[in-house]
């Protein structure tokens, strides 16, 4: 009997490594292939127009994010079936890291499992307008409207708090299962690391300007300096930021001696800090799970309610079990499948 085939949709380094972890746990039974997230079918023309206008350049479907994903697949010798055009397979399962950009033709004929990547972007005024007036969550340019179209069969989410969030966004509650999410489910292990600094205030920035959102960086830096109150400051920039600009701003407005990192393991930096200051970033969850003092543009109380399940690093296995079971399930009713698992 031929082996079942699964297509894993990837994007950012976090999305890509999460999917690779899940696929590895299915390797004995399934053949895994990968593709950068994409549109096909009735949305493809509109999607190609957005790419042509470079409107999606700061997002995971283009630019350096796509280059990093392609390089990761090549480094690990993982088969790249970009836009399902390289191999022409008929897939038994589609595993999505987003339900904002999805291949509608494939989604219409193939079972699908959504895996939450991390924190969703804030539901700001523009995202609310897009949700109210259109069926195109891509127009929000970010992750704020994940779940809006309720288009996947099963949704694997980080916590009970996020299950409630995705239900409010439009996902049918019977499709939701709390599995935790890889890369954010075992933060205690981060305490053992080689980052040489200790006892500082860490500022982890967000690529708001690169994704067309306002960011008063001078005011933000001033607030970070106020919170630090003379303690050592370290700035770690989001990988999507324009590094020269961000560096110049910190050098201009932060105190002398402030350290700047344009790369490195942010999670390990959080493990060694006393205080974490973020804008809109999933790394706030790392700080909260480690018991750090956390400042965020999000409501920190709401973040605590949504904190990803700390299950000792078992999320990838739990998601793989969902994938395995759903492929074997007769039909595409995700709710019926999940009810049968309990």
Protein backbone atom coordinates (compact mmCIF):
# COMPACT_ATOMS: atom_id res chain seq x y z
CA UNK A 1 0.00 0.00 0.00
CA UNK A 2 1.43 3.42 -0.93
CA UNK A 3 2.38 5.71 1.94
CA UNK A 4 0.15 8.66 2.75
CA UNK A 5 1.43 12.10 1.78
CA UNK A 6 1.24 15.28 3.88
CA UNK A 7 1.96 18.83 2.70
CA UNK A 8 3.23 21.14 5.44
CA UNK A 9 2.82 24.85 4.74
CA UNK A 10 5.67 26.93 6.16
CA UNK A 11 6.61 30.60 6.50
CA UNK A 12 8.72 32.26 9.18
CA UNK A 13 11.60 30.40 10.86
CA UNK A 14 9.28 29.68 13.80
CA UNK A 15 6.54 28.30 11.57
CA UNK A 16 9.04 26.27 9.58
CA UNK A 17 10.75 24.65 12.56
CA UNK A 18 7.40 23.86 14.17
CA UNK A 19 6.22 22.04 11.06
CA UNK A 20 9.51 20.16 10.77
CA UNK A 21 9.16 18.90 14.35
CA UNK A 22 5.65 17.61 13.66
CA UNK A 23 6.66 16.00 10.37
CA UNK A 24 9.58 14.17 12.00
CA UNK A 25 7.14 12.48 14.38
CA UNK A 26 5.11 11.21 11.40
CA UNK A 27 8.07 10.06 9.32
CA UNK A 28 7.56 6.33 9.96
CA UNK A 29 4.08 6.44 8.42
CA UNK A 30 3.82 9.44 6.09
CA UNK A 31 5.83 11.15 3.39
CA UNK A 32 6.20 14.82 4.25
CA UNK A 33 6.54 17.64 1.72
CA UNK A 34 6.77 21.37 2.30
CA UNK A 35 5.72 24.58 0.63
CA UNK A 36 5.77 28.25 1.51
CA UNK A 37 2.20 29.35 2.20
CA UNK A 38 0.41 30.39 -0.99
CA UNK A 39 -2.94 31.04 -2.63
CA UNK A 40 -4.39 29.14 -5.55
CA UNK A 41 -7.81 28.99 -7.13
CA UNK A 42 -10.08 32.02 -7.13
CA UNK A 43 -7.72 34.06 -4.91
CA UNK A 44 -4.56 33.52 -6.95
CA UNK A 45 -4.95 36.53 -9.25
CA UNK A 46 -5.48 38.90 -6.33
CA UNK A 47 -2.57 37.32 -4.48
CA UNK A 48 -0.25 37.70 -7.47
CA UNK A 49 -1.30 41.35 -7.75
CA UNK A 50 -0.31 41.96 -4.11
CA UNK A 51 3.04 40.28 -4.74
CA UNK A 52 3.56 42.35 -7.89
CA UNK A 53 2.91 45.59 -6.02
CA UNK A 54 5.37 44.42 -3.31
CA UNK A 55 2.60 44.89 -0.77
CA UNK A 56 3.50 41.54 0.79
CA UNK A 57 7.26 42.15 0.83
CA UNK A 58 7.43 42.44 4.66
CA UNK A 59 5.42 39.23 5.19
CA UNK A 60 6.46 35.57 5.34
CA UNK A 61 5.45 34.86 1.72
CA UNK A 62 8.17 37.04 0.23
CA UNK A 63 11.57 38.62 0.74
CA UNK A 64 14.06 37.36 3.31
CA UNK A 65 11.47 35.22 5.14
CA UNK A 66 10.91 33.10 2.04
CA UNK A 67 14.67 32.96 1.43
CA UNK A 68 15.21 31.68 4.99
CA UNK A 69 12.50 29.04 4.61
CA UNK A 70 13.92 27.84 1.28
CA UNK A 71 17.42 27.72 2.79
CA UNK A 72 16.13 25.71 5.78
CA UNK A 73 14.50 23.13 3.50
CA UNK A 74 17.69 22.84 1.47
CA UNK A 75 19.90 22.56 4.57
CA UNK A 76 17.77 19.75 6.01
CA UNK A 77 17.19 18.11 2.61
CA UNK A 78 13.42 18.43 2.92
CA UNK A 79 11.38 18.14 -0.30
CA UNK A 80 10.13 21.57 -1.42
CA UNK A 81 6.84 21.22 -3.32
CA UNK A 82 6.40 24.97 -3.75
CA UNK A 83 2.76 25.76 -4.51
CA UNK A 84 2.22 22.02 -5.13
CA UNK A 85 3.90 22.43 -8.52
CA UNK A 86 7.14 20.47 -8.18
CA UNK A 87 5.77 16.94 -7.67
CA UNK A 88 2.09 17.03 -8.61
CA UNK A 89 1.04 14.87 -5.65
CA UNK A 90 -2.47 14.29 -4.41
CA UNK A 91 -2.12 14.90 -0.69
CA UNK A 92 -3.92 13.09 2.10
CA UNK A 93 -3.47 15.95 4.57
CA UNK A 94 -2.64 19.64 4.49
CA UNK A 95 -1.08 21.09 7.65
CA UNK A 96 -1.41 24.89 7.72
CA UNK A 97 0.58 27.40 9.75
CA UNK A 98 -1.95 30.11 8.77
CA UNK A 99 -5.52 30.16 7.56
CA UNK A 100 -5.14 33.68 6.13
CA UNK A 101 -3.16 32.60 3.07
CA UNK A 102 -4.29 29.11 2.04
CA UNK A 103 -4.41 27.12 -1.21
CA UNK A 104 -8.16 27.08 -1.70
CA UNK A 105 -8.18 24.43 -4.45
CA UNK A 106 -6.18 22.00 -2.31
CA UNK A 107 -8.13 22.92 0.80
CA UNK A 108 -11.37 22.07 -0.99
CA UNK A 109 -10.33 18.47 -1.64
CA UNK A 110 -7.92 17.63 1.18
CA UNK A 111 -8.26 17.22 4.93
CA UNK A 112 -6.62 20.06 6.80
CA UNK A 113 -5.15 20.77 10.24
CA UNK A 114 -4.27 24.28 11.38
CA UNK A 115 -1.36 24.71 13.80
CA UNK A 116 -1.16 27.98 15.71
CA UNK A 117 2.23 29.59 15.28
CA UNK A 118 2.33 31.88 18.30
CA UNK A 119 0.80 35.17 19.36
CA UNK A 120 -1.72 36.70 16.97
CA UNK A 121 -1.40 40.35 16.02
CA UNK A 122 -3.69 42.88 17.73
CA UNK A 123 -7.19 43.32 16.34
CA UNK A 124 -6.67 46.98 15.57
CA UNK A 125 -9.07 49.34 13.84
CA UNK A 126 -7.92 48.37 10.34
CA UNK A 127 -8.17 44.63 11.05
CA UNK A 128 -11.67 45.10 12.48
CA UNK A 129 -12.67 46.99 9.33
CA UNK A 130 -11.26 44.26 7.09
CA UNK A 131 -13.11 41.61 9.11
CA UNK A 132 -16.37 43.52 8.97
CA UNK A 133 -16.37 44.51 5.31
CA UNK A 134 -14.44 41.80 3.42
CA UNK A 135 -13.68 38.11 3.18
CA UNK A 136 -9.97 38.78 2.69
CA UNK A 137 -8.03 38.56 5.98
CA UNK A 138 -4.79 39.00 4.01
CA UNK A 139 -5.63 42.71 3.77
CA UNK A 140 -4.88 43.11 7.48
CA UNK A 141 -1.18 42.37 6.68
CA UNK A 142 -0.44 40.21 9.69
CA UNK A 143 -1.89 37.43 11.83
CA UNK A 144 -4.72 39.39 13.47
CA UNK A 145 -7.43 37.64 11.43
CA UNK A 146 -6.27 34.04 11.73
CA UNK A 147 -9.44 32.01 12.22
CA UNK A 148 -11.74 34.51 10.54
CA UNK A 149 -12.67 32.28 7.60
CA UNK A 150 -13.01 29.06 9.65
CA UNK A 151 -11.64 27.19 6.64
CA UNK A 152 -9.56 24.36 8.15
CA UNK A 153 -11.07 21.12 9.43
CA UNK A 154 -9.21 21.00 12.78
CA UNK A 155 -7.51 23.80 14.72
CA UNK A 156 -4.65 22.96 17.10
CA UNK A 157 -4.15 25.89 19.47
CA UNK A 158 -1.82 26.93 22.26
CA UNK A 159 -4.14 27.10 25.26
CA UNK A 160 -7.72 27.25 26.48
CA UNK A 161 -7.43 31.03 26.37
CA UNK A 162 -6.53 30.89 22.71
CA UNK A 163 -9.34 28.44 22.01
CA UNK A 164 -11.73 31.11 23.30
CA UNK A 165 -9.95 33.72 21.18
CA UNK A 166 -10.23 31.70 17.96
CA UNK A 167 -13.87 30.98 18.68
CA UNK A 168 -14.50 34.73 18.94
CA UNK A 169 -12.66 35.19 15.64
CA UNK A 170 -15.03 32.80 13.88
CA UNK A 171 -13.71 29.23 14.29
CA UNK A 172 -16.39 26.66 15.07
CA UNK A 173 -15.74 25.59 18.67
CA UNK A 174 -16.09 21.89 17.90
CA UNK A 175 -13.06 22.14 15.57
CA UNK A 176 -10.74 23.42 18.30
CA UNK A 177 -8.32 21.27 20.28
CA UNK A 178 -5.76 22.50 22.81
CA UNK A 179 -2.45 20.81 22.03
CA UNK A 180 0.06 23.47 22.99
CA UNK A 181 2.43 24.70 20.31
CA UNK A 182 6.04 23.67 19.63
CA UNK A 183 8.78 26.19 20.49
CA UNK A 184 6.68 27.69 23.31
CA UNK A 185 5.77 24.67 25.44
CA UNK A 186 8.92 24.03 27.48
CA UNK A 187 10.46 27.38 28.38
CA UNK A 188 12.11 26.11 31.58
CA UNK A 189 14.84 24.49 29.48
CA UNK A 190 15.93 27.98 28.39
CA UNK A 191 17.45 28.71 31.77
CA UNK A 192 20.48 26.60 30.82
CA UNK A 193 22.14 28.70 28.12
CA UNK A 194 25.42 30.29 27.03
CA UNK A 195 24.29 33.91 26.75
CA UNK A 196 26.99 35.76 28.71
CA UNK A 197 24.94 38.57 30.27
CA UNK A 198 22.71 38.55 33.38
CA UNK A 199 20.58 40.97 35.35
CA UNK A 200 19.50 43.42 32.65
CA UNK A 201 16.33 44.88 31.17
CA UNK A 202 15.67 43.34 27.76
CA UNK A 203 13.74 45.27 25.10
CA UNK A 204 12.40 43.03 22.30
CA UNK A 205 11.03 45.18 19.49
CA UNK A 206 8.42 44.47 16.81
CA UNK A 207 8.49 45.05 13.04
CA UNK A 208 5.46 47.33 13.13
CA UNK A 209 6.81 49.87 10.66
CA UNK A 210 7.84 47.15 8.25
CA UNK A 211 4.27 45.80 8.30
CA UNK A 212 2.62 49.20 7.82
CA UNK A 213 1.72 49.94 11.42
CA UNK A 214 2.62 53.10 13.34
CA UNK A 215 5.50 52.92 15.80
CA UNK A 216 6.75 55.93 17.76
CA UNK A 217 10.14 54.39 18.43
CA UNK A 218 11.49 57.46 20.25
CA UNK A 219 8.64 57.34 22.79
CA UNK A 220 9.03 53.57 23.16
CA UNK A 221 12.75 53.86 23.86
CA UNK A 222 12.07 56.61 26.40
CA UNK A 223 9.57 54.37 28.20
CA UNK A 224 12.07 51.51 28.24
CA UNK A 225 14.68 53.81 29.77
CA UNK A 226 12.15 54.87 32.42
CA UNK A 227 11.32 51.26 33.33
CA UNK A 228 14.99 50.31 33.45
CA UNK A 229 15.62 53.08 35.98
CA UNK A 230 19.37 52.94 35.58
CA UNK A 231 19.68 49.16 35.17
CA UNK A 232 21.61 47.82 32.14
CA UNK A 233 19.61 47.83 28.92
CA UNK A 234 19.77 45.39 26.03
CA UNK A 235 17.82 45.89 22.79
CA UNK A 236 17.09 42.87 20.58
CA UNK A 237 15.51 43.80 17.25
CA UNK A 238 12.90 41.80 15.35
CA UNK A 239 14.57 40.00 12.40
CA UNK A 240 12.28 41.76 9.93
CA UNK A 241 13.34 45.26 10.99
CA UNK A 242 15.56 47.66 9.09
CA UNK A 243 18.56 47.17 11.34
CA UNK A 244 20.51 50.31 10.44
CA UNK A 245 17.56 52.53 11.27
CA UNK A 246 16.69 50.71 14.50
CA UNK A 247 20.32 50.75 15.64
CA UNK A 248 20.71 54.47 14.96
CA UNK A 249 17.59 55.23 17.00
CA UNK A 250 18.81 53.33 20.06
CA UNK A 251 22.25 54.91 19.81
CA UNK A 252 20.61 58.32 19.67
CA UNK A 253 17.92 58.00 22.37
CA UNK A 254 19.07 55.28 24.79
CA UNK A 255 21.76 55.77 27.47
CA UNK A 256 25.45 55.17 26.65
CA UNK A 257 26.41 51.56 27.24
CA UNK A 258 23.10 50.16 25.98
CA UNK A 259 23.81 46.89 24.19
CA UNK A 260 22.23 46.14 20.81
CA UNK A 261 21.70 42.73 19.23
CA UNK A 262 20.45 42.40 15.65
CA UNK A 263 20.55 38.59 15.84
CA UNK A 264 20.82 35.86 18.44
CA UNK A 265 18.52 33.67 20.51
CA UNK A 266 15.89 36.00 21.95
CA UNK A 267 14.45 33.31 24.22
CA UNK A 268 17.81 32.75 25.92
CA UNK A 269 18.20 36.49 26.37
CA UNK A 270 14.81 36.52 28.09
CA UNK A 271 15.82 33.66 30.37
CA UNK A 272 18.74 35.75 31.69
CA UNK A 273 16.96 39.11 32.04
CA UNK A 274 15.25 40.63 35.07
CA UNK A 275 12.63 42.56 33.09
CA UNK A 276 11.24 42.04 29.59
CA UNK A 277 9.78 44.94 27.60
CA UNK A 278 7.99 44.11 24.34
CA UNK A 279 5.72 45.73 21.83
CA UNK A 280 3.63 43.09 20.01
CA UNK A 281 5.63 39.90 20.29
CA UNK A 282 5.10 36.24 21.09
CA UNK A 283 8.25 36.35 23.21
CA UNK A 284 6.14 37.98 25.93
CA UNK A 285 4.88 34.46 26.62
CA UNK A 286 8.42 33.25 27.23
CA UNK A 287 8.90 35.96 29.84
CA UNK A 288 5.58 35.25 31.54
CA UNK A 289 6.18 31.49 31.65
CA UNK A 290 9.60 32.12 33.23
CA UNK A 291 8.11 34.40 35.86
CA UNK A 292 9.73 37.59 34.56
CA UNK A 293 8.36 41.09 35.00
CA UNK A 294 6.82 41.70 31.57
CA UNK A 295 5.72 44.93 29.90
CA UNK A 296 3.84 44.69 26.60
CA UNK A 297 1.62 46.71 24.30
CA UNK A 298 -0.84 43.86 24.83
CA UNK A 299 -2.89 43.60 28.01
CA UNK A 300 -0.60 41.47 30.17
CA UNK A 301 -3.56 40.03 32.09
CA UNK A 302 -5.00 38.81 28.78
CA UNK A 303 -1.62 37.34 27.84
CA UNK A 304 -1.62 35.37 31.09
CA UNK A 305 -5.03 33.92 30.17
CA UNK A 306 -3.69 32.89 26.75
CA UNK A 307 -0.29 31.64 27.94
CA UNK A 308 0.70 28.58 25.86
CA UNK A 309 0.40 25.27 27.67
CA UNK A 310 3.71 24.29 29.27
CA UNK A 311 3.59 20.55 28.70
CA UNK A 312 7.28 19.66 28.79
CA UNK A 313 7.78 19.93 25.04
CA UNK A 314 5.07 17.45 24.06
CA UNK A 315 3.05 19.72 21.74
CA UNK A 316 4.59 18.45 18.51
CA UNK A 317 3.74 14.88 19.52
CA UNK A 318 0.17 15.86 20.40
CA UNK A 319 -0.28 17.61 17.05
CA UNK A 320 1.24 14.66 15.20
CA UNK A 321 -1.26 12.39 16.96
CA UNK A 322 -4.08 14.65 15.74
CA UNK A 323 -2.73 14.51 12.18
CA UNK A 324 -2.32 10.74 12.28
CA UNK A 325 -5.79 10.19 13.66
CA UNK A 326 -7.49 12.61 11.29
CA UNK A 327 -5.96 10.98 8.21
CA UNK A 328 -7.33 7.63 9.41
CA UNK A 329 -10.74 9.15 10.23
CA UNK A 330 -13.56 8.47 7.77
CA UNK A 331 -14.63 11.88 6.47
CA UNK A 332 -13.64 15.52 6.93
CA UNK A 333 -15.84 16.54 9.85
CA UNK A 334 -13.23 17.85 12.29
CA UNK A 335 -15.77 18.22 15.07
CA UNK A 336 -16.90 14.61 14.79
CA UNK A 337 -13.28 13.47 14.71
CA UNK A 338 -12.39 15.40 17.86
CA UNK A 339 -15.50 14.20 19.69
CA UNK A 340 -14.47 10.63 18.91
CA UNK A 341 -11.04 11.19 20.47
CA UNK A 342 -12.40 12.10 23.91
